[in-house]
Amino acid sequence: MASSFTEGPSPETRQQQFEQSVAISLHLWQSLTVAVQNNWGGPDSSDKRDWLAGVIVDLFPSFVDLAAASSSSQNNAQSQSKKLIEEPIAEDIEETLLQVMFDEFEANVDDQSEAQVADRIMKCRAQCAVGDFALVEELRARWLDAKGKKVVMQAAADQDQETDAESESDDEEDDDEDRNGDVEMDDAPALVPVAPKEKPQPEIDEDGFEKVSRKKR
């Protein structure tokens, strides 16, 4: 990402603002907020969110390192630039967000909200690169306004306990509500906890010993 570090805010300030924009973007992500508030990632769910912010930041080369490379002589800059990581694209961020949500919070995000978060982070990155922190300040104001407010997740019906007739009836009612515009889809993120896998029962041989089964790769 081309940027001039000779004018405007220092590289350290730009890096600090970018890191804050990533952290704030994750705090504003409703899917992740629901997972943290409900401790889907365990008692340290909040710490996992902070850790995720660091993971996202580390996908990008530091503005401090970029400034050091650009201020070096041309030969040294070429040599040093090879050591710098490349700027990621939005899809890289999306994949990281979804993977961490699945691995650390056992949740599937199917409302495409990760794309919005990734796009916001990329815009903050581009603005911070030129010393513009307007979007960061806007996000910070939104976060302060929403701070302390609890996100309520929309209750989902347990389909395993429904009969086929009830399911069909519910589907028809949902279709009617969607057509009439009575359902507010923005009330909660489409977030689905991943059900834990059931542990297989041990097999006992004729002598009363438990058989050892190998895991399939």
N, C-alpha and C. Protein backbone atom coordinates (compact mmCIF):
# COMPACT_ATOMS: atom_id res chain seq x y z
N MET A 1 0.84 -1.19 0.00
CA MET A 1 0.00 0.00 0.00
C MET A 1 0.88 1.24 0.00
N ALA A 2 0.78 2.03 -1.04
CA ALA A 2 1.62 3.21 -1.16
C ALA A 2 1.14 4.28 -0.19
N SER A 3 2.11 4.90 0.51
CA SER A 3 1.76 5.94 1.46
C SER A 3 2.97 6.78 1.75
N SER A 4 2.76 8.06 2.00
CA SER A 4 3.84 8.97 2.36
C SER A 4 3.85 9.16 3.86
N PHE A 5 5.02 8.89 4.49
CA PHE A 5 5.12 9.02 5.93
C PHE A 5 5.90 10.27 6.33
N THR A 6 6.24 11.11 5.33
CA THR A 6 7.00 12.31 5.63
C THR A 6 6.11 13.45 6.10
N GLU A 7 4.82 13.37 5.80
CA GLU A 7 3.87 14.40 6.21
C GLU A 7 2.72 13.77 6.99
N GLY A 8 2.09 14.59 7.80
CA GLY A 8 0.93 14.12 8.55
C GLY A 8 1.32 13.34 9.80
N PRO A 9 0.39 12.56 10.33
CA PRO A 9 0.63 11.79 11.56
C PRO A 9 1.80 10.82 11.41
N SER A 10 2.43 10.52 12.52
CA SER A 10 3.56 9.60 12.52
C SER A 10 3.10 8.18 12.21
N PRO A 11 4.01 7.32 11.75
CA PRO A 11 3.65 5.92 11.50
C PRO A 11 3.12 5.23 12.76
N GLU A 12 3.67 5.59 13.92
CA GLU A 12 3.21 5.00 15.17
C GLU A 12 1.75 5.36 15.44
N THR A 13 1.40 6.62 15.17
CA THR A 13 0.02 7.06 15.38
C THR A 13 -0.92 6.36 14.40
N ARG A 14 -0.50 6.24 13.16
CA ARG A 14 -1.33 5.56 12.17
C ARG A 14 -1.55 4.11 12.55
N GLN A 15 -0.48 3.46 13.04
CA GLN A 15 -0.61 2.06 13.44
C GLN A 15 -1.53 1.92 14.64
N GLN A 16 -1.39 2.82 15.60
CA GLN A 16 -2.24 2.78 16.78
C GLN A 16 -3.71 2.97 16.42
N GLN A 17 -3.98 3.93 15.55
CA GLN A 17 -5.36 4.18 15.13
C GLN A 17 -5.92 2.98 14.37
N PHE A 18 -5.11 2.36 13.54
CA PHE A 18 -5.58 1.20 12.79
C PHE A 18 -5.90 0.04 13.73
N GLU A 19 -5.01 -0.19 14.69
CA GLU A 19 -5.26 -1.27 15.65
C GLU A 19 -6.54 -1.04 16.43
N GLN A 20 -6.79 0.20 16.79
CA GLN A 20 -8.03 0.52 17.51
C GLN A 20 -9.25 0.31 16.61
N SER A 21 -9.09 0.63 15.33
CA SER A 21 -10.22 0.46 14.42
C SER A 21 -10.59 -1.02 14.28
N VAL A 22 -9.59 -1.88 14.30
CA VAL A 22 -9.86 -3.32 14.23
C VAL A 22 -10.58 -3.79 15.48
N ALA A 23 -10.08 -3.38 16.64
CA ALA A 23 -10.71 -3.78 17.90
C ALA A 23 -12.14 -3.28 17.99
N ILE A 24 -12.36 -2.03 17.60
CA ILE A 24 -13.71 -1.46 17.66
C ILE A 24 -14.63 -2.16 16.68
N SER A 25 -14.13 -2.46 15.49
CA SER A 25 -14.95 -3.16 14.49
C SER A 25 -15.43 -4.50 15.02
N LEU A 26 -14.57 -5.20 15.75
CA LEU A 26 -14.97 -6.49 16.31
C LEU A 26 -15.99 -6.31 17.43
N HIS A 27 -15.84 -5.25 18.22
CA HIS A 27 -16.81 -4.99 19.29
C HIS A 27 -18.16 -4.60 18.72
N LEU A 28 -18.18 -4.02 17.53
CA LEU A 28 -19.44 -3.63 16.89
C LEU A 28 -20.08 -4.77 16.10
N TRP A 29 -19.37 -5.87 15.94
CA TRP A 29 -19.87 -7.02 15.19
C TRP A 29 -20.86 -7.77 16.08
N GLN A 30 -22.14 -7.74 15.73
CA GLN A 30 -23.17 -8.33 16.57
C GLN A 30 -22.99 -9.84 16.74
N SER A 31 -22.58 -10.53 15.70
CA SER A 31 -22.40 -11.97 15.80
C SER A 31 -21.39 -12.33 16.87
N LEU A 32 -20.27 -11.62 16.88
CA LEU A 32 -19.23 -11.87 17.87
C LEU A 32 -19.68 -11.41 19.26
N THR A 33 -20.39 -10.30 19.32
CA THR A 33 -20.88 -9.79 20.60
C THR A 33 -21.81 -10.79 21.27
N VAL A 34 -22.71 -11.40 20.49
CA VAL A 34 -23.62 -12.41 21.03
C VAL A 34 -22.82 -13.60 21.57
N ALA A 35 -21.81 -14.02 20.82
CA ALA A 35 -20.99 -15.16 21.24
C ALA A 35 -20.25 -14.86 22.53
N VAL A 36 -19.75 -13.64 22.66
CA VAL A 36 -19.02 -13.25 23.87
C VAL A 36 -19.96 -13.13 25.06
N GLN A 37 -21.10 -12.46 24.86
CA GLN A 37 -22.05 -12.26 25.96
C GLN A 37 -22.61 -13.58 26.49
N ASN A 38 -22.71 -14.57 25.62
CA ASN A 38 -23.24 -15.87 26.03
C ASN A 38 -22.14 -16.88 26.36
N ASN A 39 -20.89 -16.40 26.38
CA ASN A 39 -19.74 -17.25 26.73
C ASN A 39 -19.66 -18.52 25.88
N TRP A 40 -19.95 -18.37 24.58
CA TRP A 40 -19.83 -19.53 23.70
C TRP A 40 -18.39 -19.98 23.55
N GLY A 41 -17.46 -19.08 23.83
CA GLY A 41 -16.05 -19.44 23.79
C GLY A 41 -15.49 -19.75 25.16
N GLY A 42 -16.37 -19.97 26.14
CA GLY A 42 -15.93 -20.25 27.49
C GLY A 42 -15.83 -18.98 28.32
N PRO A 43 -15.34 -19.09 29.55
CA PRO A 43 -15.25 -17.93 30.44
C PRO A 43 -14.30 -16.84 29.96
N ASP A 44 -13.38 -17.20 29.06
CA ASP A 44 -12.44 -16.21 28.52
C ASP A 44 -12.84 -15.74 27.13
N SER A 45 -14.14 -15.72 26.85
CA SER A 45 -14.64 -15.31 25.53
C SER A 45 -14.21 -13.89 25.18
N SER A 46 -14.25 -12.99 26.16
CA SER A 46 -13.86 -11.60 25.91
C SER A 46 -12.38 -11.51 25.53
N ASP A 47 -11.55 -12.31 26.21
CA ASP A 47 -10.12 -12.33 25.88
C ASP A 47 -9.90 -12.88 24.47
N LYS A 48 -10.72 -13.82 24.06
CA LYS A 48 -10.59 -14.38 22.72
C LYS A 48 -10.92 -13.33 21.66
N ARG A 49 -11.87 -12.45 21.96
CA ARG A 49 -12.17 -11.37 21.03
C ARG A 49 -10.97 -10.43 20.89
N ASP A 50 -10.32 -10.12 22.02
CA ASP A 50 -9.13 -9.27 21.97
C ASP A 50 -8.00 -9.96 21.21
N TRP A 51 -7.90 -11.27 21.41
CA TRP A 51 -6.87 -12.04 20.70
C TRP A 51 -7.15 -12.03 19.19
N LEU A 52 -8.42 -12.14 18.82
CA LEU A 52 -8.79 -12.11 17.40
C LEU A 52 -8.39 -10.78 16.78
N ALA A 53 -8.56 -9.68 17.52
CA ALA A 53 -8.16 -8.37 17.00
C ALA A 53 -6.67 -8.37 16.68
N GLY A 54 -5.87 -8.97 17.55
CA GLY A 54 -4.44 -9.05 17.29
C GLY A 54 -4.11 -9.90 16.08
N VAL A 55 -4.89 -10.97 15.89
CA VAL A 55 -4.68 -11.84 14.73
C VAL A 55 -4.95 -11.07 13.43
N ILE A 56 -6.02 -10.28 13.43
CA ILE A 56 -6.36 -9.50 12.24
C ILE A 56 -5.29 -8.44 11.97
N VAL A 57 -4.85 -7.75 13.02
CA VAL A 57 -3.82 -6.72 12.85
C VAL A 57 -2.54 -7.33 12.28
N ASP A 58 -2.20 -8.52 12.73
CA ASP A 58 -0.96 -9.16 12.28
C ASP A 58 -1.02 -9.62 10.83
N LEU A 59 -2.22 -9.61 10.24
CA LEU A 59 -2.31 -9.93 8.81
C LEU A 59 -1.72 -8.82 7.96
N PHE A 60 -1.61 -7.62 8.53
CA PHE A 60 -1.13 -6.46 7.79
C PHE A 60 0.31 -6.11 8.20
N PRO A 61 1.09 -5.59 7.28
CA PRO A 61 2.40 -5.07 7.67
C PRO A 61 2.23 -3.81 8.50
N SER A 62 3.09 -3.64 9.49
CA SER A 62 2.99 -2.48 10.37
C SER A 62 3.36 -1.21 9.61
N PHE A 63 2.64 -0.12 9.89
CA PHE A 63 2.98 1.17 9.28
C PHE A 63 4.38 1.61 9.69
N VAL A 64 4.80 1.23 10.89
CA VAL A 64 6.15 1.57 11.35
C VAL A 64 7.19 0.87 10.49
N ASP A 65 6.97 -0.41 10.20
CA ASP A 65 7.90 -1.15 9.35
C ASP A 65 7.89 -0.62 7.93
N LEU A 66 6.72 -0.26 7.43
CA LEU A 66 6.63 0.29 6.07
C LEU A 66 7.36 1.62 5.97
N ALA A 67 7.26 2.43 7.02
CA ALA A 67 7.95 3.72 7.03
C ALA A 67 9.45 3.53 7.05
N ALA A 68 9.90 2.56 7.83
CA ALA A 68 11.33 2.28 7.91
C ALA A 68 11.87 1.80 6.57
N ALA A 69 11.08 1.00 5.88
CA ALA A 69 11.50 0.48 4.58
C ALA A 69 11.56 1.60 3.54
N SER A 70 10.58 2.49 3.57
CA SER A 70 10.53 3.55 2.57
C SER A 70 11.60 4.62 2.78
N SER A 71 12.06 4.76 4.02
CA SER A 71 13.07 5.78 4.30
C SER A 71 14.48 5.27 4.08
N SER A 72 14.64 3.99 3.86
CA SER A 72 15.96 3.42 3.60
C SER A 72 16.40 3.76 2.19
N SER A 73 17.65 3.48 1.91
CA SER A 73 18.14 3.67 0.54
C SER A 73 17.43 2.71 -0.38
N GLN A 74 17.47 2.94 -1.66
CA GLN A 74 16.70 2.14 -2.61
C GLN A 74 17.10 0.67 -2.56
N ASN A 75 18.37 0.37 -2.47
CA ASN A 75 18.82 -1.01 -2.42
C ASN A 75 18.37 -1.68 -1.13
N ASN A 76 18.54 -0.96 -0.02
CA ASN A 76 18.12 -1.53 1.25
C ASN A 76 16.61 -1.70 1.30
N ALA A 77 15.91 -0.76 0.69
CA ALA A 77 14.45 -0.83 0.69
C ALA A 77 13.97 -2.05 -0.06
N GLN A 78 14.63 -2.34 -1.17
CA GLN A 78 14.25 -3.51 -1.94
C GLN A 78 14.52 -4.78 -1.16
N SER A 79 15.64 -4.80 -0.43
CA SER A 79 15.99 -5.98 0.35
C SER A 79 15.04 -6.14 1.54
N GLN A 80 14.73 -5.03 2.20
CA GLN A 80 13.88 -5.08 3.38
C GLN A 80 12.42 -5.32 3.04
N SER A 81 12.01 -4.83 1.86
CA SER A 81 10.61 -4.99 1.49
C SER A 81 10.25 -6.45 1.28
N LYS A 82 11.25 -7.29 0.97
CA LYS A 82 10.98 -8.70 0.78
C LYS A 82 10.59 -9.37 2.09
N LYS A 83 11.02 -8.77 3.21
CA LYS A 83 10.74 -9.35 4.51
C LYS A 83 9.37 -8.92 5.04
N LEU A 84 8.81 -7.88 4.44
CA LEU A 84 7.51 -7.39 4.89
C LEU A 84 6.41 -8.28 4.32
N ILE A 85 5.40 -8.54 5.15
CA ILE A 85 4.27 -9.32 4.66
C ILE A 85 3.44 -8.47 3.71
N GLU A 86 2.73 -9.13 2.82
CA GLU A 86 1.90 -8.42 1.85
C GLU A 86 0.58 -7.99 2.49
N GLU A 87 0.02 -6.93 1.93
CA GLU A 87 -1.29 -6.48 2.40
C GLU A 87 -2.34 -7.54 2.06
N PRO A 88 -3.15 -7.94 3.03
CA PRO A 88 -4.20 -8.93 2.74
C PRO A 88 -5.35 -8.30 1.98
N ILE A 89 -6.20 -9.12 1.43
CA ILE A 89 -7.42 -8.66 0.80
C ILE A 89 -8.59 -8.94 1.73
N ALA A 90 -9.74 -8.40 1.41
CA ALA A 90 -10.91 -8.54 2.29
C ALA A 90 -11.27 -10.00 2.52
N GLU A 91 -11.11 -10.82 1.49
CA GLU A 91 -11.47 -12.23 1.63
C GLU A 91 -10.59 -12.93 2.67
N ASP A 92 -9.35 -12.50 2.81
CA ASP A 92 -8.47 -13.09 3.83
C ASP A 92 -9.01 -12.81 5.23
N ILE A 93 -9.50 -11.60 5.42
CA ILE A 93 -10.05 -11.23 6.73
C ILE A 93 -11.34 -11.99 6.99
N GLU A 94 -12.17 -12.11 5.98
CA GLU A 94 -13.43 -12.83 6.14
C GLU A 94 -13.17 -14.28 6.56
N GLU A 95 -12.24 -14.92 5.88
CA GLU A 95 -11.93 -16.32 6.21
C GLU A 95 -11.42 -16.45 7.63
N THR A 96 -10.60 -15.51 8.07
CA THR A 96 -10.07 -15.54 9.43
C THR A 96 -11.19 -15.38 10.45
N LEU A 97 -12.08 -14.44 10.20
CA LEU A 97 -13.21 -14.21 11.11
C LEU A 97 -14.08 -15.45 11.24
N LEU A 98 -14.43 -16.04 10.12
CA LEU A 98 -15.29 -17.23 10.14
C LEU A 98 -14.60 -18.41 10.82
N GLN A 99 -13.30 -18.58 10.54
CA GLN A 99 -12.56 -19.70 11.11
C GLN A 99 -12.46 -19.59 12.62
N VAL A 100 -12.19 -18.38 13.11
CA VAL A 100 -12.07 -18.18 14.56
C VAL A 100 -13.44 -18.34 15.23
N MET A 101 -14.49 -17.85 14.60
CA MET A 101 -15.83 -18.01 15.16
C MET A 101 -16.18 -19.49 15.30
N PHE A 102 -15.78 -20.28 14.32
CA PHE A 102 -16.09 -21.71 14.36
C PHE A 102 -15.20 -22.44 15.35
N ASP A 103 -13.90 -22.15 15.32
CA ASP A 103 -12.95 -22.88 16.16
C ASP A 103 -13.04 -22.48 17.63
N GLU A 104 -13.15 -21.19 17.89
CA GLU A 104 -13.08 -20.70 19.27
C GLU A 104 -14.44 -20.52 19.92
N PHE A 105 -15.48 -20.26 19.13
CA PHE A 105 -16.81 -20.02 19.70
C PHE A 105 -17.84 -21.07 19.28
N GLU A 106 -17.40 -22.03 18.47
CA GLU A 106 -18.29 -23.10 18.00
C GLU A 106 -19.57 -22.53 17.41
N ALA A 107 -19.41 -21.53 16.54
CA ALA A 107 -20.57 -20.86 15.95
C ALA A 107 -20.37 -20.70 14.45
N ASN A 108 -21.46 -20.88 13.72
CA ASN A 108 -21.48 -20.63 12.28
C ASN A 108 -22.16 -19.28 12.02
N VAL A 109 -21.53 -18.44 11.25
CA VAL A 109 -22.12 -17.15 10.89
C VAL A 109 -22.61 -17.26 9.46
N ASP A 110 -23.92 -17.16 9.26
CA ASP A 110 -24.47 -17.34 7.92
C ASP A 110 -25.25 -16.13 7.44
N ASP A 111 -24.97 -14.96 8.03
CA ASP A 111 -25.69 -13.76 7.58
C ASP A 111 -24.79 -12.82 6.77
N GLN A 112 -23.59 -13.31 6.41
CA GLN A 112 -22.65 -12.54 5.60
C GLN A 112 -22.13 -11.29 6.31
N SER A 113 -22.33 -11.21 7.62
CA SER A 113 -21.88 -10.01 8.33
C SER A 113 -20.37 -9.92 8.41
N GLU A 114 -19.68 -11.06 8.26
CA GLU A 114 -18.21 -11.01 8.29
C GLU A 114 -17.66 -10.20 7.13
N ALA A 115 -18.40 -10.17 6.01
CA ALA A 115 -17.97 -9.38 4.85
C ALA A 115 -18.04 -7.89 5.15
N GLN A 116 -19.06 -7.48 5.89
CA GLN A 116 -19.19 -6.08 6.28
C GLN A 116 -18.07 -5.66 7.22
N VAL A 117 -17.74 -6.55 8.16
CA VAL A 117 -16.65 -6.25 9.10
C VAL A 117 -15.32 -6.14 8.36
N ALA A 118 -15.08 -7.07 7.46
CA ALA A 118 -13.83 -7.06 6.69
C ALA A 118 -13.74 -5.80 5.83
N ASP A 119 -14.84 -5.42 5.21
CA ASP A 119 -14.85 -4.22 4.36
C ASP A 119 -14.57 -2.97 5.20
N ARG A 120 -15.13 -2.94 6.39
CA ARG A 120 -14.91 -1.78 7.28
C ARG A 120 -13.44 -1.70 7.68
N ILE A 121 -12.85 -2.83 7.98
CA ILE A 121 -11.44 -2.85 8.38
C ILE A 121 -10.55 -2.40 7.22
N MET A 122 -10.87 -2.85 6.01
CA MET A 122 -10.08 -2.46 4.85
C MET A 122 -10.18 -0.95 4.60
N LYS A 123 -11.36 -0.38 4.81
CA LYS A 123 -11.52 1.06 4.63
C LYS A 123 -10.74 1.84 5.68
N CYS A 124 -10.76 1.35 6.92
CA CYS A 124 -9.98 1.99 7.98
C CYS A 124 -8.49 1.91 7.66
N ARG A 125 -8.08 0.78 7.13
CA ARG A 125 -6.67 0.61 6.77
C ARG A 125 -6.25 1.64 5.72
N ALA A 126 -7.08 1.79 4.70
CA ALA A 126 -6.76 2.73 3.61
C ALA A 126 -6.71 4.16 4.13
N GLN A 127 -7.63 4.51 5.02
CA GLN A 127 -7.64 5.88 5.54
C GLN A 127 -6.47 6.13 6.48
N CYS A 128 -6.18 5.17 7.34
CA CYS A 128 -5.05 5.33 8.27
C CYS A 128 -3.73 5.45 7.51
N ALA A 129 -3.64 4.79 6.36
CA ALA A 129 -2.42 4.84 5.57
C ALA A 129 -2.10 6.25 5.10
N VAL A 130 -3.11 7.07 4.91
CA VAL A 130 -2.90 8.45 4.45
C VAL A 130 -3.10 9.45 5.59
N GLY A 131 -3.18 8.93 6.83
CA GLY A 131 -3.30 9.81 7.98
C GLY A 131 -4.68 10.37 8.22
N ASP A 132 -5.69 9.72 7.67
CA ASP A 132 -7.08 10.15 7.85
C ASP A 132 -7.75 9.21 8.84
N PHE A 133 -8.21 9.75 9.97
CA PHE A 133 -8.81 8.93 11.01
C PHE A 133 -10.30 9.21 11.20
N ALA A 134 -10.93 9.78 10.19
CA ALA A 134 -12.35 10.14 10.30
C ALA A 134 -13.22 8.92 10.55
N LEU A 135 -12.99 7.85 9.80
CA LEU A 135 -13.80 6.65 9.96
C LEU A 135 -13.53 6.00 11.31
N VAL A 136 -12.30 6.02 11.76
CA VAL A 136 -11.97 5.46 13.07
C VAL A 136 -12.72 6.19 14.16
N GLU A 137 -12.74 7.52 14.06
CA GLU A 137 -13.46 8.32 15.06
C GLU A 137 -14.95 8.05 15.01
N GLU A 138 -15.48 7.85 13.82
CA GLU A 138 -16.90 7.54 13.68
C GLU A 138 -17.23 6.21 14.35
N LEU A 139 -16.38 5.22 14.12
CA LEU A 139 -16.60 3.91 14.73
C LEU A 139 -16.45 3.98 16.25
N ARG A 140 -15.49 4.79 16.70
CA ARG A 140 -15.29 4.93 18.14
C ARG A 140 -16.53 5.55 18.80
N ALA A 141 -17.13 6.52 18.14
CA ALA A 141 -18.34 7.16 18.67
C ALA A 141 -19.49 6.16 18.73
N ARG A 142 -19.62 5.34 17.70
CA ARG A 142 -20.66 4.32 17.68
C ARG A 142 -20.45 3.31 18.80
N TRP A 143 -19.20 2.92 19.02
CA TRP A 143 -18.90 1.94 20.06
C TRP A 143 -19.20 2.50 21.45
N LEU A 144 -18.82 3.76 21.68
CA LEU A 144 -19.09 4.38 22.97
C LEU A 144 -20.59 4.50 23.22
N ASP A 145 -21.33 4.76 22.15
CA ASP A 145 -22.79 4.89 22.28
C ASP A 145 -23.44 3.55 22.60
N ALA A 146 -22.87 2.47 22.03
CA ALA A 146 -23.46 1.14 22.23
C ALA A 146 -22.85 0.40 23.41
N LYS A 147 -21.82 0.97 24.02
CA LYS A 147 -21.11 0.30 25.11
C LYS A 147 -22.04 0.00 26.27
N GLY A 148 -21.99 -1.24 26.72
CA GLY A 148 -22.82 -1.64 27.86
C GLY A 148 -24.18 -2.16 27.48
N LYS A 149 -24.59 -1.97 26.22
CA LYS A 149 -25.89 -2.46 25.79
C LYS A 149 -25.79 -3.94 25.41
N LYS A 150 -26.76 -4.72 25.83
CA LYS A 150 -26.75 -6.15 25.56
C LYS A 150 -27.48 -6.45 24.26
N VAL A 151 -26.85 -7.27 23.44
CA VAL A 151 -27.48 -7.69 22.19
C VAL A 151 -28.33 -8.92 22.46
N VAL A 152 -29.62 -8.84 22.12
CA VAL A 152 -30.55 -9.94 22.36
C VAL A 152 -30.66 -10.76 21.09
N MET A 153 -30.35 -12.05 21.22
CA MET A 153 -30.42 -12.95 20.07
C MET A 153 -31.83 -13.47 19.90
N GLN A 154 -32.29 -13.49 18.67
CA GLN A 154 -33.65 -13.95 18.38
C GLN A 154 -33.75 -15.44 18.67
N ALA A 155 -34.77 -15.82 19.41
CA ALA A 155 -34.94 -17.22 19.77
C ALA A 155 -35.30 -18.04 18.54
N ALA A 156 -34.64 -19.18 18.41
CA ALA A 156 -34.89 -20.06 17.26
C ALA A 156 -35.66 -21.28 17.73
N ALA A 157 -36.60 -21.73 16.92
CA ALA A 157 -37.41 -22.90 17.28
C ALA A 157 -36.56 -24.15 17.21
N ASP A 158 -36.80 -25.09 18.11
CA ASP A 158 -36.09 -26.36 18.12
C ASP A 158 -36.75 -27.29 17.10
N GLN A 159 -36.14 -27.41 15.96
CA GLN A 159 -36.75 -28.17 14.87
C GLN A 159 -36.79 -29.66 15.17
N ASP A 160 -35.88 -30.11 16.05
CA ASP A 160 -35.83 -31.54 16.36
C ASP A 160 -37.09 -31.99 17.09
N GLN A 161 -37.79 -31.06 17.74
CA GLN A 161 -38.95 -31.42 18.50
C GLN A 161 -40.25 -31.13 17.75
N GLU A 162 -40.14 -30.69 16.52
CA GLU A 162 -41.33 -30.38 15.74
C GLU A 162 -41.73 -31.56 14.88
N THR A 163 -43.02 -31.68 14.66
CA THR A 163 -43.49 -32.67 13.71
C THR A 163 -43.40 -32.07 12.32
N ASP A 164 -43.51 -32.92 11.29
CA ASP A 164 -43.44 -32.44 9.92
C ASP A 164 -44.55 -31.44 9.64
N ALA A 165 -45.72 -31.69 10.18
CA ALA A 165 -46.85 -30.80 9.94
C ALA A 165 -46.58 -29.44 10.55
N GLU A 166 -45.99 -29.42 11.76
CA GLU A 166 -45.70 -28.15 12.42
C GLU A 166 -44.65 -27.38 11.66
N SER A 167 -43.66 -28.10 11.11
CA SER A 167 -42.60 -27.45 10.36
C SER A 167 -43.14 -26.79 9.12
N GLU A 168 -44.00 -27.52 8.40
CA GLU A 168 -44.58 -26.96 7.20
C GLU A 168 -45.43 -25.74 7.51
N SER A 169 -46.18 -25.82 8.61
CA SER A 169 -47.02 -24.70 9.01
C SER A 169 -46.18 -23.48 9.34
N ASP A 170 -45.07 -23.69 10.06
CA ASP A 170 -44.21 -22.58 10.43
C ASP A 170 -43.57 -21.95 9.21
N ASP A 171 -43.19 -22.81 8.24
CA ASP A 171 -42.57 -22.28 7.01
C ASP A 171 -43.54 -21.40 6.26
N GLU A 172 -44.82 -21.84 6.20
CA GLU A 172 -45.82 -21.05 5.50
C GLU A 172 -46.05 -19.71 6.20
N GLU A 173 -46.07 -19.74 7.54
CA GLU A 173 -46.27 -18.50 8.29
C GLU A 173 -45.09 -17.55 8.10
N ASP A 174 -43.87 -18.12 8.07
CA ASP A 174 -42.69 -17.28 7.87
C ASP A 174 -42.71 -16.62 6.50
N ASP A 175 -43.15 -17.40 5.48
CA ASP A 175 -43.22 -16.84 4.14
C ASP A 175 -44.20 -15.70 4.08
N ASP A 176 -45.35 -15.87 4.76
CA ASP A 176 -46.35 -14.81 4.78
C ASP A 176 -45.83 -13.58 5.47
N GLU A 177 -45.12 -13.77 6.57
CA GLU A 177 -44.59 -12.63 7.32
C GLU A 177 -43.55 -11.89 6.51
N ASP A 178 -42.70 -12.65 5.80
CA ASP A 178 -41.68 -12.02 4.97
C ASP A 178 -42.32 -11.16 3.89
N ARG A 179 -43.40 -11.69 3.29
CA ARG A 179 -44.04 -10.94 2.22
C ARG A 179 -44.72 -9.69 2.76
N ASN A 180 -45.25 -9.78 3.99
CA ASN A 180 -45.93 -8.63 4.56
C ASN A 180 -44.99 -7.64 5.21
N GLY A 181 -43.73 -8.03 5.32
CA GLY A 181 -42.75 -7.13 5.91
C GLY A 181 -42.88 -6.97 7.40
N ASP A 182 -43.50 -7.97 8.08
CA ASP A 182 -43.73 -7.86 9.52
C ASP A 182 -42.55 -8.34 10.34
N VAL A 183 -41.62 -9.08 9.75
CA VAL A 183 -40.50 -9.64 10.49
C VAL A 183 -39.31 -8.71 10.40
N GLU A 184 -38.74 -8.34 11.54
CA GLU A 184 -37.56 -7.49 11.56
C GLU A 184 -36.32 -8.37 11.58
N MET A 185 -35.65 -8.49 10.44
CA MET A 185 -34.51 -9.39 10.32
C MET A 185 -33.25 -8.82 10.93
N ASP A 186 -33.23 -7.52 11.22
CA ASP A 186 -32.03 -6.90 11.75
C ASP A 186 -31.96 -6.93 13.26
N ASP A 187 -32.95 -7.55 13.91
CA ASP A 187 -32.97 -7.56 15.36
C ASP A 187 -31.84 -8.39 15.94
N ALA A 188 -31.41 -9.42 15.22
CA ALA A 188 -30.36 -10.28 15.75
C ALA A 188 -29.61 -10.91 14.60
N PRO A 189 -28.32 -11.19 14.79
CA PRO A 189 -27.53 -11.83 13.74
C PRO A 189 -27.93 -13.28 13.55
N ALA A 190 -27.77 -13.76 12.32
CA ALA A 190 -28.05 -15.17 12.05
C ALA A 190 -26.87 -15.99 12.50
N LEU A 191 -26.87 -16.33 13.76
CA LEU A 191 -25.74 -17.03 14.36
C LEU A 191 -26.23 -18.35 14.91
N VAL A 192 -25.57 -19.44 14.56
CA VAL A 192 -26.02 -20.76 14.96
C VAL A 192 -24.91 -21.49 15.70
N PRO A 193 -25.10 -21.80 16.98
CA PRO A 193 -24.08 -22.56 17.70
C PRO A 193 -23.90 -23.93 17.08
N VAL A 194 -22.68 -24.39 17.05
CA VAL A 194 -22.39 -25.71 16.50
C VAL A 194 -22.60 -26.74 17.60
N ALA A 195 -23.44 -27.72 17.34
CA ALA A 195 -23.71 -28.75 18.34
C ALA A 195 -22.47 -29.60 18.55
N PRO A 196 -22.09 -29.89 19.81
CA PRO A 196 -20.91 -30.72 20.06
C PRO A 196 -21.11 -32.13 19.54
N LYS A 197 -20.03 -32.72 19.05
CA LYS A 197 -20.10 -34.07 18.52
C LYS A 197 -20.25 -35.06 19.67
N GLU A 198 -21.14 -36.06 19.48
CA GLU A 198 -21.34 -37.05 20.50
C GLU A 198 -20.18 -38.03 20.54
N LYS A 199 -19.72 -38.34 21.74
CA LYS A 199 -18.63 -39.27 21.90
C LYS A 199 -19.14 -40.68 21.73
N PRO A 200 -18.54 -41.51 20.85
CA PRO A 200 -19.02 -42.87 20.62
C PRO A 200 -18.90 -43.73 21.88
N GLN A 201 -19.85 -44.64 22.06
CA GLN A 201 -19.82 -45.53 23.21
C GLN A 201 -18.69 -46.56 23.04
N PRO A 202 -17.98 -46.92 24.11
CA PRO A 202 -16.88 -47.89 24.00
C PRO A 202 -17.39 -49.28 23.68
N GLU A 203 -16.62 -50.03 22.91
CA GLU A 203 -16.96 -51.39 22.57
C GLU A 203 -16.22 -52.34 23.52
N ILE A 204 -16.91 -53.34 24.07
CA ILE A 204 -16.34 -54.28 25.03
C ILE A 204 -16.18 -55.63 24.34
N ASP A 205 -14.99 -56.24 24.48
CA ASP A 205 -14.77 -57.55 23.87
C ASP A 205 -15.28 -58.66 24.78
N GLU A 206 -15.03 -59.92 24.39
CA GLU A 206 -15.55 -61.06 25.14
C GLU A 206 -14.97 -61.14 26.55
N ASP A 207 -13.72 -60.66 26.72
CA ASP A 207 -13.07 -60.74 28.03
C ASP A 207 -13.39 -59.56 28.92
N GLY A 208 -14.25 -58.66 28.44
CA GLY A 208 -14.64 -57.52 29.27
C GLY A 208 -13.73 -56.32 29.16
N PHE A 209 -12.80 -56.32 28.17
CA PHE A 209 -11.90 -55.18 27.99
C PHE A 209 -12.44 -54.26 26.91
N GLU A 210 -12.14 -52.98 27.05
CA GLU A 210 -12.60 -51.99 26.07
C GLU A 210 -11.73 -52.06 24.82
N LYS A 211 -12.36 -52.16 23.67
CA LYS A 211 -11.62 -52.18 22.41
C LYS A 211 -11.11 -50.80 22.08
N VAL A 212 -9.90 -50.74 21.51
CA VAL A 212 -9.30 -49.47 21.10
C VAL A 212 -9.59 -49.26 19.63
N SER A 213 -10.28 -48.15 19.31
CA SER A 213 -10.62 -47.85 17.90
C SER A 213 -9.77 -46.71 17.42
N ARG A 214 -9.24 -46.85 16.22
CA ARG A 214 -8.41 -45.81 15.62
C ARG A 214 -9.29 -44.78 14.93
N LYS A 215 -8.87 -43.51 15.05
CA LYS A 215 -9.61 -42.44 14.37
C LYS A 215 -9.32 -42.45 12.90
N LYS A 216 -10.37 -42.29 12.10
CA LYS A 216 -10.20 -42.21 10.66
C LYS A 216 -9.69 -40.84 10.28
N ARG A 217 -8.71 -40.78 9.41
CA ARG A 217 -8.17 -39.48 8.95
C ARG A 217 -9.10 -38.89 7.90
